[in-house]
Structures are given as structure tokens and as C-alpha cells.
Amino acid sequence: MNILILGPQGSGKGTQAQRIAVSYGLAHIATGDMLRQSIAAETEFGRRVKPIYEAGELVPDDLMIGLIRERLEQDDVEDGFILDGFPRTMAQAEALDAMLREIERPVTVVLQLDVPEDVCVARLSKRAQEEGRVDDTPEAIRTRLALYRRETEPVIEHYRAQGNLVVIHGDRPVDEVFAEIQQALEQAAVRQ
């Protein structure tokens, strides 16, 4: 099963993706974590993307597609994956779709965590305090949520048109959200 999970920052994508990965034996591919690890390790890639990332802007598509393709070539992805935090733009969605067709790994289902913006802001502000995340400044949060509205909402419509989008009500307790996700994944598995 190959899953995409979409939603604004602070919607709970990472939390739910981790639960899905453990419960279904899938590789959790978190692009944000991959970026932060590259930046922390001061790799060439990390040095290139650090100023872009810390400003709350999107990393160039070709760099992200290359990073994801490289990750999908690893052995732990054989049984499937959950891609968390990508795609965020139509260009990324089209490039990802093309790359997945090329490597014969089509998307089974796209989960969209639907969460009101004020809930996202509150969650991100709390996370910034608890984890000391430098990328969760109030300015960066506002920039990312505005980018999401402008850039990612068309991606949701793209996957809705393909018929594989499932909207999940993400502003409820974690266990309730996961129960709804499990139902969606069971239905997707039946359709496969």
C-alpha cells in the first residue's frame, strides 16, 4: 500500500503517519524530517536548503523529487510507504505522479487531514515551545499556512479528481482520527 498524507502544518500528519507506518508495516517517509536531518548533518543538500527551509519557503521541486526517489529505492519500502509532507504544489504532484509511474509504485490512497487554521496555529505554537523548533516561529507558521492555502489546496483537488482522495476529520483526538484513517485504509485495500 502506497499512501500520501496531506494537510496543513499542525494537522497531525506526522503523528498519524507514524501510527500508520507501525500498524501496517510501511516505511514512513517524512520529507520535513529528511530535510531537518540533512540540515543538521550539514550535508551539501542541507546547506543548500537551510536558508529556504528556515524562511518557511518551499524547497525546489527537483531537489525534493530526487530526495524522495532516492528514499524509495531503499529496501524497507518494498511493502509500501506513507509519504508525509509531500507533494505541496501541483508541480510537485505532477512530478511525483510521473516518478511513481516510472518506478511502478502508484499511490493507493491519498489521506487529507482537514483541520481549521486556528487549531493548526495553536498546535504549531505549542510544538515550538515543547521541541524548540526554530522553523516554528510565528512568522514562519503564518508563511507556511498561507503557502498551504495557495499552493497545496489545488493538489487536493488533483487527487480528488483522480478518485483516490479521502478526507479525514483531523481536529479530533488522535485515536479518533486514527480510527477514521484505519477505516479509509481498509476500504482502499478492498479496492486494490
C-alpha atoms as a PDB file:
ATOM      1  CA  MET A   1       0.000   0.000   0.000  1.00  0.00           C
ATOM      2  CA  ASN A   2       1.398   3.390  -1.056  1.00  0.00           C
ATOM      3  CA  ILE A   3      -0.133   6.303   0.816  1.00  0.00           C
ATOM      4  CA  LEU A   4       0.154  10.073   0.636  1.00  0.00           C
ATOM      5  CA  ILE A   5      -0.915  12.100   3.671  1.00  0.00           C
ATOM      6  CA  LEU A   6      -1.741  15.759   3.112  1.00  0.00           C
ATOM      7  CA  GLY A   7      -2.836  18.549   5.398  1.00  0.00           C
ATOM      8  CA  PRO A   8      -1.677  21.901   6.661  1.00  0.00           C
ATOM      9  CA  GLN A   9       1.250  22.134   9.040  1.00  0.00           C
ATOM     10  CA  GLY A  10      -0.011  21.260  12.510  1.00  0.00           C
ATOM     11  CA  SER A  11      -2.763  18.973  11.206  1.00  0.00           C
ATOM     12  CA  GLY A  12      -1.199  15.873  12.766  1.00  0.00           C
ATOM     13  CA  LYS A  13       0.284  14.369   9.586  1.00  0.00           C
ATOM     14  CA  GLY A  14       3.478  13.222  11.299  1.00  0.00           C
ATOM     15  CA  THR A  15       1.688  11.691  14.270  1.00  0.00           C
ATOM     16  CA  GLN A  16      -0.787   9.795  12.106  1.00  0.00           C
ATOM     17  CA  ALA A  17       1.831   8.772   9.524  1.00  0.00           C
ATOM     18  CA  GLN A  18       3.946   7.198  12.272  1.00  0.00           C
ATOM     19  CA  ARG A  19       0.948   5.241  13.558  1.00  0.00           C
ATOM     20  CA  ILE A  20       0.061   4.072  10.042  1.00  0.00           C
ATOM     21  CA  ALA A  21       3.665   3.016   9.370  1.00  0.00           C
ATOM     22  CA  VAL A  22       3.829   0.921  12.560  1.00  0.00           C
ATOM     23  CA  SER A  23       0.343  -0.593  12.229  1.00  0.00           C
ATOM     24  CA  TYR A  24       0.649  -1.503   8.548  1.00  0.00           C
ATOM     25  CA  GLY A  25       4.391  -2.219   8.292  1.00  0.00           C
ATOM     26  CA  LEU A  26       5.039   0.638   5.872  1.00  0.00           C
ATOM     27  CA  ALA A  27       8.069   2.891   5.517  1.00  0.00           C
ATOM     28  CA  HIS A  28       7.351   6.379   6.905  1.00  0.00           C
ATOM     29  CA  ILE A  29       8.884   8.916   4.553  1.00  0.00           C
ATOM     30  CA  ALA A  30       8.714  12.297   6.253  1.00  0.00           C
ATOM     31  CA  THR A  31      10.159  14.907   3.948  1.00  0.00           C
ATOM     32  CA  GLY A  32      10.386  17.507   6.729  1.00  0.00           C
ATOM     33  CA  ASP A  33      12.427  15.115   8.884  1.00  0.00           C
ATOM     34  CA  MET A  34      14.652  14.271   5.914  1.00  0.00           C
ATOM     35  CA  LEU A  35      15.277  17.972   5.325  1.00  0.00           C
ATOM     36  CA  ARG A  36      15.997  18.696   9.005  1.00  0.00           C
ATOM     37  CA  GLN A  37      18.408  15.721   9.175  1.00  0.00           C
ATOM     38  CA  SER A  38      20.267  16.942   6.089  1.00  0.00           C
ATOM     39  CA  ILE A  39      20.483  20.456   7.535  1.00  0.00           C
ATOM     40  CA  ALA A  40      21.677  19.187  10.942  1.00  0.00           C
ATOM     41  CA  ALA A  41      24.279  16.917   9.303  1.00  0.00           C
ATOM     42  CA  GLU A  42      25.404  19.888   7.188  1.00  0.00           C
ATOM     43  CA  THR A  43      25.363  17.802   4.014  1.00  0.00           C
ATOM     44  CA  GLU A  44      25.738  19.627   0.712  1.00  0.00           C
ATOM     45  CA  PHE A  45      21.986  19.236   0.209  1.00  0.00           C
ATOM     46  CA  GLY A  46      21.371  20.505   3.767  1.00  0.00           C
ATOM     47  CA  ARG A  47      23.499  23.619   3.240  1.00  0.00           C
ATOM     48  CA  ARG A  48      21.635  24.395   0.005  1.00  0.00           C
ATOM     49  CA  VAL A  49      18.172  24.112   1.529  1.00  0.00           C
ATOM     50  CA  LYS A  50      18.783  25.536   5.040  1.00  0.00           C
ATOM     51  CA  PRO A  51      18.038  29.217   4.271  1.00  0.00           C
ATOM     52  CA  ILE A  52      14.988  28.275   2.194  1.00  0.00           C
ATOM     53  CA  TYR A  53      13.617  25.948   4.861  1.00  0.00           C
ATOM     54  CA  GLU A  54      14.214  28.260   7.806  1.00  0.00           C
ATOM     55  CA  ALA A  55      12.377  31.064   5.984  1.00  0.00           C
ATOM     56  CA  GLY A  56       9.326  28.785   5.692  1.00  0.00           C
ATOM     57  CA  GLU A  57       9.610  28.635   1.896  1.00  0.00           C
ATOM     58  CA  LEU A  58       9.340  25.511  -0.276  1.00  0.00           C
ATOM     59  CA  VAL A  59      12.489  23.628  -1.275  1.00  0.00           C
ATOM     60  CA  PRO A  60      12.804  23.436  -5.114  1.00  0.00           C
ATOM     61  CA  ASP A  61      10.826  20.574  -6.633  1.00  0.00           C
ATOM     62  CA  ASP A  62      13.708  18.905  -8.459  1.00  0.00           C
ATOM     63  CA  LEU A  63      15.655  18.611  -5.205  1.00  0.00           C
ATOM     64  CA  MET A  64      12.692  17.138  -3.345  1.00  0.00           C
ATOM     65  CA  ILE A  65      11.797  14.642  -6.094  1.00  0.00           C
ATOM     66  CA  GLY A  66      15.428  13.476  -6.180  1.00  0.00           C
ATOM     67  CA  LEU A  67      15.459  13.064  -2.394  1.00  0.00           C
ATOM     68  CA  ILE A  68      12.208  11.060  -2.446  1.00  0.00           C
ATOM     69  CA  ARG A  69      13.251   8.886  -5.404  1.00  0.00           C
ATOM     70  CA  GLU A  70      16.479   8.020  -3.588  1.00  0.00           C
ATOM     71  CA  ARG A  71      14.482   7.107  -0.455  1.00  0.00           C
ATOM     72  CA  LEU A  72      12.024   4.930  -2.431  1.00  0.00           C
ATOM     73  CA  GLU A  73      14.946   2.844  -3.713  1.00  0.00           C
ATOM     74  CA  GLN A  74      15.723   1.560  -0.205  1.00  0.00           C
ATOM     75  CA  ASP A  75      14.764  -1.973   0.855  1.00  0.00           C
ATOM     76  CA  ASP A  76      12.336  -1.031   3.638  1.00  0.00           C
ATOM     77  CA  VAL A  77       9.906   0.448   1.087  1.00  0.00           C
ATOM     78  CA  GLU A  78       9.197  -2.911  -0.572  1.00  0.00           C
ATOM     79  CA  ASP A  79       5.855  -3.442   1.252  1.00  0.00           C
ATOM     80  CA  GLY A  80       4.744   0.132   0.723  1.00  0.00           C
ATOM     81  CA  PHE A  81       5.195   3.603   2.088  1.00  0.00           C
ATOM     82  CA  ILE A  82       3.455   6.568   3.608  1.00  0.00           C
ATOM     83  CA  LEU A  83       4.734   9.830   2.204  1.00  0.00           C
ATOM     84  CA  ASP A  84       4.303  12.614   4.750  1.00  0.00           C
ATOM     85  CA  GLY A  85       4.629  16.274   3.781  1.00  0.00           C
ATOM     86  CA  PHE A  86       4.826  15.933   0.012  1.00  0.00           C
ATOM     87  CA  PRO A  87       3.568  16.968  -2.531  1.00  0.00           C
ATOM     88  CA  ARG A  88       2.751  20.541  -1.619  1.00  0.00           C
ATOM     89  CA  THR A  89       2.314  22.080  -5.079  1.00  0.00           C
ATOM     90  CA  MET A  90       0.724  20.992  -8.366  1.00  0.00           C
ATOM     91  CA  ALA A  91       4.160  20.866  -9.996  1.00  0.00           C
ATOM     92  CA  GLN A  92       5.342  18.538  -7.189  1.00  0.00           C
ATOM     93  CA  ALA A  93       2.196  16.396  -7.507  1.00  0.00           C
ATOM     94  CA  GLU A  94       2.701  16.024 -11.257  1.00  0.00           C
ATOM     95  CA  ALA A  95       6.422  15.277 -10.853  1.00  0.00           C
ATOM     96  CA  LEU A  96       5.679  12.776  -8.065  1.00  0.00           C
ATOM     97  CA  ASP A  97       2.939  11.076 -10.112  1.00  0.00           C
ATOM     98  CA  ALA A  98       5.323  10.768 -13.080  1.00  0.00           C
ATOM     99  CA  MET A  99       8.172   9.447 -10.923  1.00  0.00           C
ATOM    100  CA  LEU A 100       5.895   6.899  -9.187  1.00  0.00           C
ATOM    101  CA  ARG A 101       4.584   5.698 -12.576  1.00  0.00           C
ATOM    102  CA  GLU A 102       8.175   5.382 -13.793  1.00  0.00           C
ATOM    103  CA  ILE A 103       9.193   3.208 -10.826  1.00  0.00           C
ATOM    104  CA  GLU A 104       5.826   1.384 -10.881  1.00  0.00           C
ATOM    105  CA  ARG A 105       4.771   2.436  -7.362  1.00  0.00           C
ATOM    106  CA  PRO A 106       1.312   4.026  -7.862  1.00  0.00           C
ATOM    107  CA  VAL A 107      -0.460   5.759  -4.992  1.00  0.00           C
ATOM    108  CA  THR A 108      -3.142   3.593  -3.378  1.00  0.00           C
ATOM    109  CA  VAL A 109      -4.863   6.323  -1.373  1.00  0.00           C
ATOM    110  CA  VAL A 110      -4.401   9.998  -0.506  1.00  0.00           C
ATOM    111  CA  LEU A 111      -5.449  10.998   3.013  1.00  0.00           C
ATOM    112  CA  GLN A 112      -6.256  14.667   3.582  1.00  0.00           C
ATOM    113  CA  LEU A 113      -6.293  15.760   7.222  1.00  0.00           C
ATOM    114  CA  ASP A 114      -8.855  18.545   7.378  1.00  0.00           C
ATOM    115  CA  VAL A 115      -8.128  20.862  10.338  1.00  0.00           C
ATOM    116  CA  PRO A 116      -9.183  24.503  10.887  1.00  0.00           C
ATOM    117  CA  GLU A 117      -6.323  27.010  10.635  1.00  0.00           C
ATOM    118  CA  ASP A 118      -6.698  28.272  14.230  1.00  0.00           C
ATOM    119  CA  VAL A 119      -6.227  24.705  15.506  1.00  0.00           C
ATOM    120  CA  CYS A 120      -3.079  24.348  13.368  1.00  0.00           C
ATOM    121  CA  VAL A 121      -1.633  27.614  14.681  1.00  0.00           C
ATOM    122  CA  ALA A 122      -2.274  26.572  18.295  1.00  0.00           C
ATOM    123  CA  ARG A 123      -0.707  23.135  17.740  1.00  0.00           C
ATOM    124  CA  LEU A 124       2.365  24.563  15.997  1.00  0.00           C
ATOM    125  CA  SER A 125       2.893  27.203  18.670  1.00  0.00           C
ATOM    126  CA  LYS A 126       2.737  24.503  21.349  1.00  0.00           C
ATOM    127  CA  ARG A 127       5.163  22.298  19.382  1.00  0.00           C
ATOM    128  CA  ALA A 128       7.586  25.206  19.004  1.00  0.00           C
ATOM    129  CA  GLN A 129       7.670  25.660  22.785  1.00  0.00           C
ATOM    130  CA  GLU A 130       7.930  21.932  23.593  1.00  0.00           C
ATOM    131  CA  GLU A 131      10.504  20.982  20.951  1.00  0.00           C
ATOM    132  CA  GLY A 132      12.369  24.252  20.476  1.00  0.00           C
ATOM    133  CA  ARG A 133      11.740  24.074  16.719  1.00  0.00           C
ATOM    134  CA  VAL A 134      13.427  27.054  15.040  1.00  0.00           C
ATOM    135  CA  ASP A 135      11.194  26.627  11.987  1.00  0.00           C
ATOM    136  CA  ASP A 136       8.033  27.187  14.062  1.00  0.00           C
ATOM    137  CA  THR A 137       8.340  30.930  14.647  1.00  0.00           C
ATOM    138  CA  PRO A 138       5.029  32.832  14.409  1.00  0.00           C
ATOM    139  CA  GLU A 139       6.174  34.402  11.130  1.00  0.00           C
ATOM    140  CA  ALA A 140       7.186  31.046   9.626  1.00  0.00           C
ATOM    141  CA  ILE A 141       3.893  29.442  10.771  1.00  0.00           C
ATOM    142  CA  ARG A 142       1.871  32.182   9.055  1.00  0.00           C
ATOM    143  CA  THR A 143       4.019  31.905   5.917  1.00  0.00           C
ATOM    144  CA  ARG A 144       3.597  28.117   5.729  1.00  0.00           C
ATOM    145  CA  LEU A 145      -0.170  28.197   6.291  1.00  0.00           C
ATOM    146  CA  ALA A 146      -0.590  30.886   3.620  1.00  0.00           C
ATOM    147  CA  LEU A 147       1.577  28.812   1.256  1.00  0.00           C
ATOM    148  CA  TYR A 148      -0.541  25.751   2.025  1.00  0.00           C
ATOM    149  CA  ARG A 149      -3.777  27.566   1.157  1.00  0.00           C
ATOM    150  CA  ARG A 150      -2.313  28.960  -2.047  1.00  0.00           C
ATOM    151  CA  GLU A 151      -0.185  26.028  -3.241  1.00  0.00           C
ATOM    152  CA  THR A 152      -1.489  22.790  -1.700  1.00  0.00           C
ATOM    153  CA  GLU A 153      -5.251  23.126  -1.896  1.00  0.00           C
ATOM    154  CA  PRO A 154      -5.126  22.650  -5.724  1.00  0.00           C
ATOM    155  CA  VAL A 155      -3.178  19.405  -5.090  1.00  0.00           C
ATOM    156  CA  ILE A 156      -6.091  18.141  -3.004  1.00  0.00           C
ATOM    157  CA  GLU A 157      -8.438  18.795  -5.921  1.00  0.00           C
ATOM    158  CA  HIS A 158      -5.985  16.992  -8.249  1.00  0.00           C
ATOM    159  CA  TYR A 159      -6.192  13.818  -6.167  1.00  0.00           C
ATOM    160  CA  ARG A 160      -9.937  14.193  -5.631  1.00  0.00           C
ATOM    161  CA  ALA A 161     -10.316  14.208  -9.451  1.00  0.00           C
ATOM    162  CA  GLN A 162      -8.235  11.006  -9.622  1.00  0.00           C
ATOM    163  CA  GLY A 163     -10.709   9.372  -7.247  1.00  0.00           C
ATOM    164  CA  ASN A 164      -8.248   8.322  -4.546  1.00  0.00           C
ATOM    165  CA  LEU A 165      -8.671  11.163  -2.004  1.00  0.00           C
ATOM    166  CA  VAL A 166     -10.197  10.503   1.419  1.00  0.00           C
ATOM    167  CA  VAL A 167     -10.906  13.473   3.713  1.00  0.00           C
ATOM    168  CA  ILE A 168     -10.136  12.744   7.378  1.00  0.00           C
ATOM    169  CA  HIS A 169     -11.514  14.965  10.163  1.00  0.00           C
ATOM    170  CA  GLY A 170      -8.211  15.809  11.858  1.00  0.00           C
ATOM    171  CA  ASP A 171      -9.361  18.181  14.592  1.00  0.00           C
ATOM    172  CA  ARG A 172     -10.396  15.389  16.971  1.00  0.00           C
ATOM    173  CA  PRO A 173      -8.426  13.320  19.487  1.00  0.00           C
ATOM    174  CA  VAL A 174      -5.532  11.345  17.968  1.00  0.00           C
ATOM    175  CA  ASP A 175      -7.177   7.923  18.491  1.00  0.00           C
ATOM    176  CA  GLU A 176     -10.429   9.022  16.830  1.00  0.00           C
ATOM    177  CA  VAL A 177      -8.536  10.389  13.838  1.00  0.00           C
ATOM    178  CA  PHE A 178      -6.562   7.138  13.552  1.00  0.00           C
ATOM    179  CA  ALA A 179      -9.771   5.056  13.707  1.00  0.00           C
ATOM    180  CA  GLU A 180     -11.154   7.033  10.748  1.00  0.00           C
ATOM    181  CA  ILE A 181      -7.858   6.515   8.888  1.00  0.00           C
ATOM    182  CA  GLN A 182      -7.995   2.757   9.527  1.00  0.00           C
ATOM    183  CA  GLN A 183     -11.481   2.612   8.020  1.00  0.00           C
ATOM    184  CA  ALA A 184     -10.281   4.516   4.948  1.00  0.00           C
ATOM    185  CA  LEU A 185      -7.265   2.217   4.529  1.00  0.00           C
ATOM    186  CA  GLU A 186      -9.417  -0.917   4.843  1.00  0.00           C
ATOM    187  CA  GLN A 187     -11.708   0.408   2.108  1.00  0.00           C
ATOM    188  CA  ALA A 188      -8.704   1.309  -0.082  1.00  0.00           C
ATOM    189  CA  ALA A 189      -7.230  -2.186   0.384  1.00  0.00           C
ATOM    190  CA  VAL A 190     -10.528  -3.735  -0.755  1.00  0.00           C
ATOM    191  CA  ARG A 191     -10.498  -1.559  -3.906  1.00  0.00           C
ATOM    192  CA  GLN A 192      -6.916  -2.582  -4.817  1.00  0.00           C
END
